[in-house]
N, C-alpha and C. Protein backbone atom coordinates (compact mmCIF):
# COMPACT_ATOMS: atom_id res chain seq x y z
N MET A 1 0.82 -1.18 0.00
CA MET A 1 0.00 0.00 0.00
C MET A 1 0.88 1.25 0.00
N SER A 2 2.02 1.17 0.66
CA SER A 2 2.90 2.34 0.71
C SER A 2 3.42 2.72 -0.67
N ALA A 3 3.56 1.75 -1.57
CA ALA A 3 4.00 2.07 -2.93
C ALA A 3 3.00 3.00 -3.60
N SER A 4 1.72 2.74 -3.40
CA SER A 4 0.70 3.59 -3.99
C SER A 4 0.58 4.92 -3.26
N ALA A 5 0.73 4.89 -1.95
CA ALA A 5 0.56 6.10 -1.16
C ALA A 5 1.71 7.09 -1.31
N TRP A 6 2.94 6.58 -1.35
CA TRP A 6 4.09 7.48 -1.40
C TRP A 6 4.92 7.33 -2.67
N GLY A 7 5.05 6.13 -3.16
CA GLY A 7 5.88 5.89 -4.34
C GLY A 7 5.31 6.47 -5.62
N ILE A 8 4.03 6.23 -5.86
CA ILE A 8 3.41 6.70 -7.11
C ILE A 8 3.39 8.22 -7.19
N PRO A 9 3.01 8.95 -6.13
CA PRO A 9 3.09 10.41 -6.23
C PRO A 9 4.51 10.91 -6.51
N ALA A 10 5.51 10.25 -5.94
CA ALA A 10 6.90 10.65 -6.21
C ALA A 10 7.27 10.39 -7.66
N ILE A 11 6.83 9.26 -8.19
CA ILE A 11 7.11 8.94 -9.59
C ILE A 11 6.39 9.93 -10.51
N LEU A 12 5.14 10.22 -10.21
CA LEU A 12 4.38 11.14 -11.05
C LEU A 12 4.96 12.55 -11.01
N ALA A 13 5.66 12.89 -9.95
CA ALA A 13 6.32 14.19 -9.88
C ALA A 13 7.43 14.31 -10.92
N THR A 14 7.97 13.18 -11.37
CA THR A 14 9.02 13.21 -12.40
C THR A 14 8.45 13.47 -13.78
N SER A 15 7.12 13.47 -13.92
CA SER A 15 6.52 13.63 -15.25
C SER A 15 6.69 15.04 -15.81
N ASN A 16 7.17 15.97 -15.01
CA ASN A 16 7.42 17.33 -15.50
C ASN A 16 8.87 17.57 -15.86
N SER A 17 9.72 16.57 -15.72
CA SER A 17 11.13 16.74 -16.07
C SER A 17 11.29 16.74 -17.59
N PRO A 18 12.40 17.28 -18.10
CA PRO A 18 12.60 17.36 -19.55
C PRO A 18 12.57 15.99 -20.24
N ASP A 19 13.09 14.97 -19.60
CA ASP A 19 13.07 13.63 -20.20
C ASP A 19 11.97 12.79 -19.55
N ALA A 20 10.81 13.42 -19.41
CA ALA A 20 9.69 12.88 -18.63
C ALA A 20 9.28 11.44 -18.92
N PRO A 21 8.93 11.07 -20.10
CA PRO A 21 8.42 9.69 -20.20
C PRO A 21 9.45 8.67 -19.74
N LEU A 22 10.70 8.85 -20.14
CA LEU A 22 11.73 7.87 -19.79
C LEU A 22 11.98 7.86 -18.29
N THR A 23 12.11 9.02 -17.68
CA THR A 23 12.34 9.11 -16.24
C THR A 23 11.18 8.49 -15.46
N THR A 24 9.98 8.82 -15.84
CA THR A 24 8.79 8.30 -15.17
C THR A 24 8.71 6.79 -15.28
N LEU A 25 8.93 6.27 -16.48
CA LEU A 25 8.82 4.83 -16.71
C LEU A 25 9.93 4.06 -16.01
N ARG A 26 11.12 4.61 -16.00
CA ARG A 26 12.23 3.92 -15.31
C ARG A 26 12.05 3.96 -13.80
N ALA A 27 11.54 5.06 -13.28
CA ALA A 27 11.27 5.13 -11.84
C ALA A 27 10.20 4.11 -11.46
N PHE A 28 9.18 3.98 -12.32
CA PHE A 28 8.15 2.96 -12.07
C PHE A 28 8.77 1.57 -12.06
N GLU A 29 9.63 1.28 -13.03
CA GLU A 29 10.24 -0.05 -13.10
C GLU A 29 11.05 -0.36 -11.85
N ARG A 30 11.79 0.62 -11.35
CA ARG A 30 12.57 0.40 -10.11
C ARG A 30 11.64 0.11 -8.93
N LEU A 31 10.57 0.89 -8.81
CA LEU A 31 9.61 0.67 -7.73
C LEU A 31 8.98 -0.72 -7.85
N TYR A 32 8.57 -1.08 -9.05
CA TYR A 32 7.95 -2.39 -9.26
C TYR A 32 8.91 -3.52 -8.93
N ASN A 33 10.15 -3.42 -9.38
CA ASN A 33 11.12 -4.50 -9.13
C ASN A 33 11.44 -4.65 -7.65
N ARG A 34 11.47 -3.55 -6.92
CA ARG A 34 11.69 -3.66 -5.47
C ARG A 34 10.53 -4.36 -4.78
N GLY A 35 9.33 -4.03 -5.18
CA GLY A 35 8.16 -4.70 -4.62
C GLY A 35 8.10 -6.16 -5.01
N LYS A 36 8.48 -6.44 -6.26
CA LYS A 36 8.47 -7.83 -6.75
C LYS A 36 9.47 -8.69 -5.99
N ALA A 37 10.56 -8.09 -5.56
CA ALA A 37 11.58 -8.83 -4.82
C ALA A 37 11.18 -9.07 -3.36
N SER A 38 10.42 -8.17 -2.78
CA SER A 38 10.14 -8.29 -1.35
C SER A 38 8.74 -8.80 -1.01
N ALA A 39 7.73 -8.42 -1.76
CA ALA A 39 6.35 -8.75 -1.38
C ALA A 39 6.03 -10.25 -1.44
N PRO A 40 6.37 -10.98 -2.50
CA PRO A 40 6.00 -12.40 -2.51
C PRO A 40 6.59 -13.22 -1.36
N PRO A 41 7.88 -13.06 -1.01
CA PRO A 41 8.37 -13.83 0.14
C PRO A 41 7.65 -13.48 1.45
N LEU A 42 7.37 -12.20 1.65
CA LEU A 42 6.67 -11.80 2.87
C LEU A 42 5.23 -12.34 2.88
N ALA A 43 4.57 -12.29 1.73
CA ALA A 43 3.20 -12.82 1.65
C ALA A 43 3.20 -14.33 1.88
N THR A 44 4.20 -15.01 1.35
CA THR A 44 4.29 -16.46 1.53
C THR A 44 4.51 -16.80 3.00
N LEU A 45 5.38 -16.06 3.67
CA LEU A 45 5.63 -16.28 5.09
C LEU A 45 4.36 -16.04 5.91
N ALA A 46 3.67 -14.95 5.63
CA ALA A 46 2.43 -14.66 6.36
C ALA A 46 1.38 -15.73 6.09
N ALA A 47 1.26 -16.15 4.84
CA ALA A 47 0.27 -17.19 4.50
C ALA A 47 0.62 -18.51 5.18
N ALA A 48 1.90 -18.83 5.25
CA ALA A 48 2.32 -20.06 5.93
C ALA A 48 1.97 -19.97 7.42
N SER A 49 2.17 -18.81 8.01
CA SER A 49 1.84 -18.63 9.43
C SER A 49 0.34 -18.77 9.67
N PHE A 50 -0.47 -18.14 8.82
CA PHE A 50 -1.92 -18.27 8.95
C PHE A 50 -2.37 -19.71 8.70
N SER A 51 -1.73 -20.39 7.76
CA SER A 51 -2.07 -21.80 7.49
C SER A 51 -1.76 -22.67 8.70
N TYR A 52 -0.62 -22.44 9.31
CA TYR A 52 -0.26 -23.18 10.51
C TYR A 52 -1.28 -22.91 11.62
N ALA A 53 -1.65 -21.65 11.78
CA ALA A 53 -2.64 -21.30 12.79
C ALA A 53 -3.98 -21.98 12.49
N ALA A 54 -4.34 -22.08 11.21
CA ALA A 54 -5.59 -22.76 10.83
C ALA A 54 -5.55 -24.23 11.21
N LEU A 55 -4.40 -24.86 11.02
CA LEU A 55 -4.27 -26.27 11.36
C LEU A 55 -4.29 -26.50 12.87
N ARG A 56 -3.77 -25.56 13.63
CA ARG A 56 -3.67 -25.71 15.08
C ARG A 56 -4.87 -25.13 15.83
N ALA A 57 -5.74 -24.44 15.13
CA ALA A 57 -6.86 -23.75 15.79
C ALA A 57 -7.84 -24.74 16.38
N SER A 58 -8.31 -24.37 17.55
CA SER A 58 -9.39 -25.17 18.15
C SER A 58 -10.67 -24.37 17.99
N ASN A 59 -11.65 -25.01 17.45
CA ASN A 59 -12.94 -24.36 17.23
C ASN A 59 -13.86 -24.65 18.40
N VAL A 60 -14.49 -23.62 18.90
CA VAL A 60 -15.44 -23.74 20.00
C VAL A 60 -16.82 -23.91 19.38
N PRO A 61 -17.60 -24.87 19.85
CA PRO A 61 -18.94 -25.03 19.28
C PRO A 61 -19.74 -23.73 19.42
N PHE A 62 -20.37 -23.33 18.34
CA PHE A 62 -21.13 -22.08 18.30
C PHE A 62 -22.31 -22.13 19.26
N ILE A 63 -22.85 -23.30 19.46
CA ILE A 63 -24.02 -23.46 20.32
C ILE A 63 -23.68 -23.19 21.78
N ASN A 64 -22.43 -23.39 22.18
CA ASN A 64 -22.02 -23.19 23.57
C ASN A 64 -21.69 -21.74 23.87
N ASN A 65 -22.44 -20.83 23.30
CA ASN A 65 -22.26 -19.39 23.52
C ASN A 65 -20.90 -18.88 23.05
N GLY A 66 -20.26 -19.59 22.17
CA GLY A 66 -19.03 -19.08 21.59
C GLY A 66 -19.35 -18.06 20.52
N SER A 67 -18.42 -17.22 20.23
CA SER A 67 -18.64 -16.23 19.17
C SER A 67 -18.47 -16.89 17.81
N PHE A 68 -18.87 -16.18 16.77
CA PHE A 68 -18.69 -16.70 15.41
C PHE A 68 -17.22 -16.98 15.15
N ALA A 69 -16.36 -16.05 15.54
CA ALA A 69 -14.92 -16.22 15.29
C ALA A 69 -14.37 -17.42 16.04
N ALA A 70 -14.80 -17.62 17.28
CA ALA A 70 -14.31 -18.76 18.05
C ALA A 70 -14.78 -20.07 17.42
N ALA A 71 -15.98 -20.07 16.85
CA ALA A 71 -16.52 -21.27 16.24
C ALA A 71 -15.91 -21.56 14.87
N HIS A 72 -15.31 -20.56 14.27
CA HIS A 72 -14.80 -20.70 12.90
C HIS A 72 -13.34 -20.25 12.76
N ARG A 73 -12.54 -20.49 13.78
CA ARG A 73 -11.14 -20.06 13.73
C ARG A 73 -10.41 -20.64 12.53
N THR A 74 -10.61 -21.93 12.28
CA THR A 74 -9.91 -22.57 11.16
C THR A 74 -10.27 -21.89 9.85
N LEU A 75 -11.55 -21.61 9.66
CA LEU A 75 -11.99 -20.93 8.44
C LEU A 75 -11.38 -19.53 8.34
N LEU A 76 -11.39 -18.79 9.43
CA LEU A 76 -10.86 -17.42 9.41
C LEU A 76 -9.36 -17.41 9.13
N PHE A 77 -8.61 -18.27 9.80
CA PHE A 77 -7.16 -18.34 9.54
C PHE A 77 -6.88 -18.81 8.11
N GLY A 78 -7.64 -19.78 7.64
CA GLY A 78 -7.46 -20.26 6.27
C GLY A 78 -7.76 -19.19 5.24
N THR A 79 -8.82 -18.44 5.48
CA THR A 79 -9.16 -17.33 4.58
C THR A 79 -8.08 -16.26 4.63
N ALA A 80 -7.56 -15.99 5.82
CA ALA A 80 -6.47 -15.02 5.96
C ALA A 80 -5.26 -15.46 5.15
N ALA A 81 -4.94 -16.74 5.19
CA ALA A 81 -3.80 -17.27 4.42
C ALA A 81 -4.04 -17.08 2.93
N ALA A 82 -5.23 -17.42 2.46
CA ALA A 82 -5.55 -17.30 1.03
C ALA A 82 -5.51 -15.85 0.57
N LEU A 83 -6.06 -14.96 1.37
CA LEU A 83 -6.06 -13.54 0.99
C LEU A 83 -4.65 -12.98 0.95
N THR A 84 -3.84 -13.36 1.91
CA THR A 84 -2.48 -12.82 1.99
C THR A 84 -1.65 -13.23 0.78
N VAL A 85 -1.70 -14.49 0.43
CA VAL A 85 -0.92 -14.95 -0.71
C VAL A 85 -1.62 -14.61 -2.03
N GLY A 86 -2.85 -14.14 -1.95
CA GLY A 86 -3.62 -13.76 -3.13
C GLY A 86 -3.06 -12.60 -3.91
N ILE A 87 -2.08 -11.90 -3.34
CA ILE A 87 -1.47 -10.79 -4.09
C ILE A 87 -0.79 -11.29 -5.36
N MET A 88 -0.27 -12.51 -5.33
CA MET A 88 0.45 -13.01 -6.50
C MET A 88 -0.48 -13.33 -7.67
N PRO A 89 -1.54 -14.12 -7.47
CA PRO A 89 -2.44 -14.34 -8.61
C PRO A 89 -3.12 -13.05 -9.08
N TYR A 90 -3.43 -12.14 -8.15
CA TYR A 90 -4.02 -10.86 -8.53
C TYR A 90 -3.07 -10.09 -9.44
N THR A 91 -1.80 -10.09 -9.09
CA THR A 91 -0.82 -9.40 -9.92
C THR A 91 -0.80 -9.97 -11.33
N PHE A 92 -0.76 -11.29 -11.43
CA PHE A 92 -0.70 -11.90 -12.76
C PHE A 92 -2.00 -11.72 -13.54
N ALA A 93 -3.13 -11.85 -12.88
CA ALA A 93 -4.42 -11.79 -13.57
C ALA A 93 -4.85 -10.37 -13.93
N VAL A 94 -4.58 -9.42 -13.06
CA VAL A 94 -5.11 -8.07 -13.24
C VAL A 94 -4.05 -7.06 -13.69
N MET A 95 -2.86 -7.15 -13.12
CA MET A 95 -1.88 -6.08 -13.28
C MET A 95 -0.78 -6.34 -14.30
N MET A 96 -0.47 -7.57 -14.58
CA MET A 96 0.74 -7.90 -15.34
C MET A 96 0.75 -7.30 -16.74
N ARG A 97 -0.38 -7.26 -17.41
CA ARG A 97 -0.40 -6.70 -18.76
C ARG A 97 0.07 -5.24 -18.75
N GLY A 98 -0.47 -4.45 -17.85
CA GLY A 98 -0.07 -3.05 -17.75
C GLY A 98 1.37 -2.88 -17.32
N ILE A 99 1.83 -3.73 -16.42
CA ILE A 99 3.22 -3.68 -15.96
C ILE A 99 4.16 -3.91 -17.13
N LYS A 100 3.88 -4.94 -17.92
CA LYS A 100 4.74 -5.25 -19.07
C LYS A 100 4.76 -4.11 -20.07
N ILE A 101 3.63 -3.48 -20.31
CA ILE A 101 3.57 -2.35 -21.24
C ILE A 101 4.43 -1.21 -20.73
N LEU A 102 4.32 -0.88 -19.45
CA LEU A 102 5.10 0.23 -18.89
C LEU A 102 6.60 -0.07 -18.92
N ILE A 103 6.97 -1.29 -18.57
CA ILE A 103 8.40 -1.64 -18.55
C ILE A 103 8.96 -1.64 -19.96
N LYS A 104 8.22 -2.17 -20.92
CA LYS A 104 8.68 -2.19 -22.31
C LYS A 104 8.86 -0.76 -22.83
N ALA A 105 7.92 0.11 -22.50
CA ALA A 105 8.00 1.50 -22.96
C ALA A 105 9.18 2.24 -22.36
N GLY A 106 9.66 1.81 -21.21
CA GLY A 106 10.78 2.48 -20.56
C GLY A 106 12.14 1.91 -20.90
N LYS A 107 12.20 0.99 -21.86
CA LYS A 107 13.49 0.34 -22.20
C LYS A 107 14.51 1.32 -22.78
N ASN A 108 14.06 2.26 -23.59
CA ASN A 108 15.00 3.25 -24.15
C ASN A 108 14.24 4.53 -24.47
N GLU A 109 14.99 5.54 -24.84
CA GLU A 109 14.42 6.86 -25.07
C GLU A 109 13.42 6.86 -26.22
N VAL A 110 13.73 6.13 -27.28
CA VAL A 110 12.84 6.08 -28.45
C VAL A 110 11.49 5.48 -28.08
N GLU A 111 11.52 4.34 -27.38
CA GLU A 111 10.28 3.70 -26.95
C GLU A 111 9.48 4.61 -26.02
N ALA A 112 10.17 5.27 -25.11
CA ALA A 112 9.50 6.15 -24.15
C ALA A 112 8.83 7.32 -24.86
N GLU A 113 9.52 7.90 -25.84
CA GLU A 113 8.94 9.02 -26.59
C GLU A 113 7.73 8.58 -27.40
N LYS A 114 7.82 7.38 -28.00
CA LYS A 114 6.67 6.85 -28.76
C LYS A 114 5.48 6.62 -27.81
N PHE A 115 5.77 6.14 -26.64
CA PHE A 115 4.72 5.85 -25.66
C PHE A 115 4.05 7.15 -25.20
N GLY A 116 4.86 8.15 -24.92
CA GLY A 116 4.34 9.46 -24.57
C GLY A 116 4.17 9.68 -23.07
N LYS A 117 4.29 10.94 -22.72
CA LYS A 117 4.20 11.35 -21.32
C LYS A 117 2.81 11.06 -20.74
N ASP A 118 1.77 11.40 -21.49
CA ASP A 118 0.41 11.22 -20.97
C ASP A 118 0.08 9.75 -20.71
N LYS A 119 0.48 8.88 -21.64
CA LYS A 119 0.22 7.45 -21.45
C LYS A 119 1.04 6.89 -20.29
N ALA A 120 2.26 7.42 -20.12
CA ALA A 120 3.10 6.97 -19.01
C ALA A 120 2.46 7.35 -17.68
N VAL A 121 2.02 8.59 -17.57
CA VAL A 121 1.38 9.06 -16.34
C VAL A 121 0.09 8.27 -16.08
N GLU A 122 -0.70 8.06 -17.12
CA GLU A 122 -1.95 7.31 -16.97
C GLU A 122 -1.67 5.86 -16.55
N GLY A 123 -0.69 5.23 -17.18
CA GLY A 123 -0.35 3.85 -16.85
C GLY A 123 0.13 3.69 -15.42
N VAL A 124 0.97 4.61 -14.98
CA VAL A 124 1.48 4.55 -13.60
C VAL A 124 0.33 4.81 -12.61
N ALA A 125 -0.55 5.74 -12.93
CA ALA A 125 -1.68 6.03 -12.05
C ALA A 125 -2.63 4.82 -11.97
N VAL A 126 -2.87 4.17 -13.09
CA VAL A 126 -3.72 2.97 -13.09
C VAL A 126 -3.08 1.88 -12.24
N TRP A 127 -1.77 1.69 -12.40
CA TRP A 127 -1.07 0.69 -11.59
C TRP A 127 -1.22 1.03 -10.10
N GLY A 128 -1.11 2.31 -9.76
CA GLY A 128 -1.25 2.71 -8.37
C GLY A 128 -2.62 2.35 -7.80
N THR A 129 -3.67 2.56 -8.59
CA THR A 129 -5.02 2.20 -8.15
C THR A 129 -5.14 0.68 -7.98
N GLN A 130 -4.63 -0.06 -8.96
CA GLN A 130 -4.68 -1.52 -8.87
C GLN A 130 -3.88 -2.01 -7.67
N ASN A 131 -2.79 -1.33 -7.36
CA ASN A 131 -1.96 -1.73 -6.23
C ASN A 131 -2.68 -1.47 -4.90
N TYR A 132 -3.44 -0.37 -4.82
CA TYR A 132 -4.26 -0.13 -3.63
C TYR A 132 -5.23 -1.28 -3.41
N ILE A 133 -5.88 -1.71 -4.48
CA ILE A 133 -6.84 -2.82 -4.38
C ILE A 133 -6.11 -4.09 -3.95
N ARG A 134 -4.96 -4.36 -4.57
CA ARG A 134 -4.18 -5.55 -4.21
C ARG A 134 -3.75 -5.50 -2.75
N ALA A 135 -3.42 -4.33 -2.25
CA ALA A 135 -2.97 -4.19 -0.86
C ALA A 135 -4.08 -4.50 0.13
N MET A 136 -5.33 -4.41 -0.31
CA MET A 136 -6.44 -4.73 0.57
C MET A 136 -6.49 -6.22 0.91
N LEU A 137 -5.98 -7.08 0.03
CA LEU A 137 -6.02 -8.52 0.28
C LEU A 137 -5.30 -8.89 1.57
N PRO A 138 -4.00 -8.57 1.72
CA PRO A 138 -3.35 -8.93 2.99
C PRO A 138 -3.88 -8.12 4.18
N LEU A 139 -4.36 -6.91 3.93
CA LEU A 139 -4.92 -6.12 5.02
C LEU A 139 -6.16 -6.80 5.60
N VAL A 140 -7.05 -7.25 4.73
CA VAL A 140 -8.24 -7.97 5.19
C VAL A 140 -7.84 -9.30 5.81
N GLY A 141 -6.85 -9.97 5.21
CA GLY A 141 -6.35 -11.22 5.78
C GLY A 141 -5.82 -11.02 7.19
N CYS A 142 -5.09 -9.96 7.40
CA CYS A 142 -4.56 -9.65 8.73
C CYS A 142 -5.70 -9.39 9.71
N ALA A 143 -6.71 -8.67 9.27
CA ALA A 143 -7.86 -8.39 10.14
C ALA A 143 -8.57 -9.69 10.53
N LEU A 144 -8.75 -10.59 9.57
CA LEU A 144 -9.40 -11.87 9.88
C LEU A 144 -8.55 -12.71 10.83
N GLY A 145 -7.24 -12.73 10.59
CA GLY A 145 -6.34 -13.48 11.47
C GLY A 145 -6.34 -12.92 12.88
N THR A 146 -6.37 -11.60 12.99
CA THR A 146 -6.41 -10.97 14.31
C THR A 146 -7.73 -11.29 15.01
N TRP A 147 -8.81 -11.22 14.27
CA TRP A 147 -10.14 -11.53 14.83
C TRP A 147 -10.16 -12.97 15.34
N ALA A 148 -9.65 -13.88 14.55
CA ALA A 148 -9.62 -15.29 14.97
C ALA A 148 -8.71 -15.50 16.18
N SER A 149 -7.62 -14.76 16.24
CA SER A 149 -6.67 -14.92 17.34
C SER A 149 -7.25 -14.51 18.69
N PHE A 150 -8.05 -13.47 18.68
CA PHE A 150 -8.56 -12.93 19.94
C PHE A 150 -9.99 -13.34 20.25
N ALA A 151 -10.56 -14.19 19.43
CA ALA A 151 -11.95 -14.62 19.65
C ALA A 151 -12.05 -15.53 20.87
N SER A 152 -13.12 -15.36 21.60
CA SER A 152 -13.34 -16.23 22.77
C SER A 152 -14.76 -16.72 22.81
């Protein structure tokens, strides 16, 4: 989420530089590659932790005045695991086409000029919106995992 909140506005600020399309597209590629290197391992670790919690969870019968979360801990932890690791399929299904277009356009000055400043800004802004949506997956997963953890 921080990439969309702070990274994208910083990248879009480069759109007014003299070599704007190239600078903007290369800054986007650096931001994307840093996220690509760090987010999947962290999501996998979190999903593995939630999966382990789902396997170890004890469910309290709902009829015995237990809360919904206490009665469905395994489900909540399992859903948290799926949502957390869901950033990867979301990236491939929803975002990858636009990512490839932006990276290809930033390969050299000629490609960047053909692509144009407006399309570069629009593409980066669209990616930022898609990234906000993608960031909701682990956020909701974390909320479900926390709810399951503290349910009684």
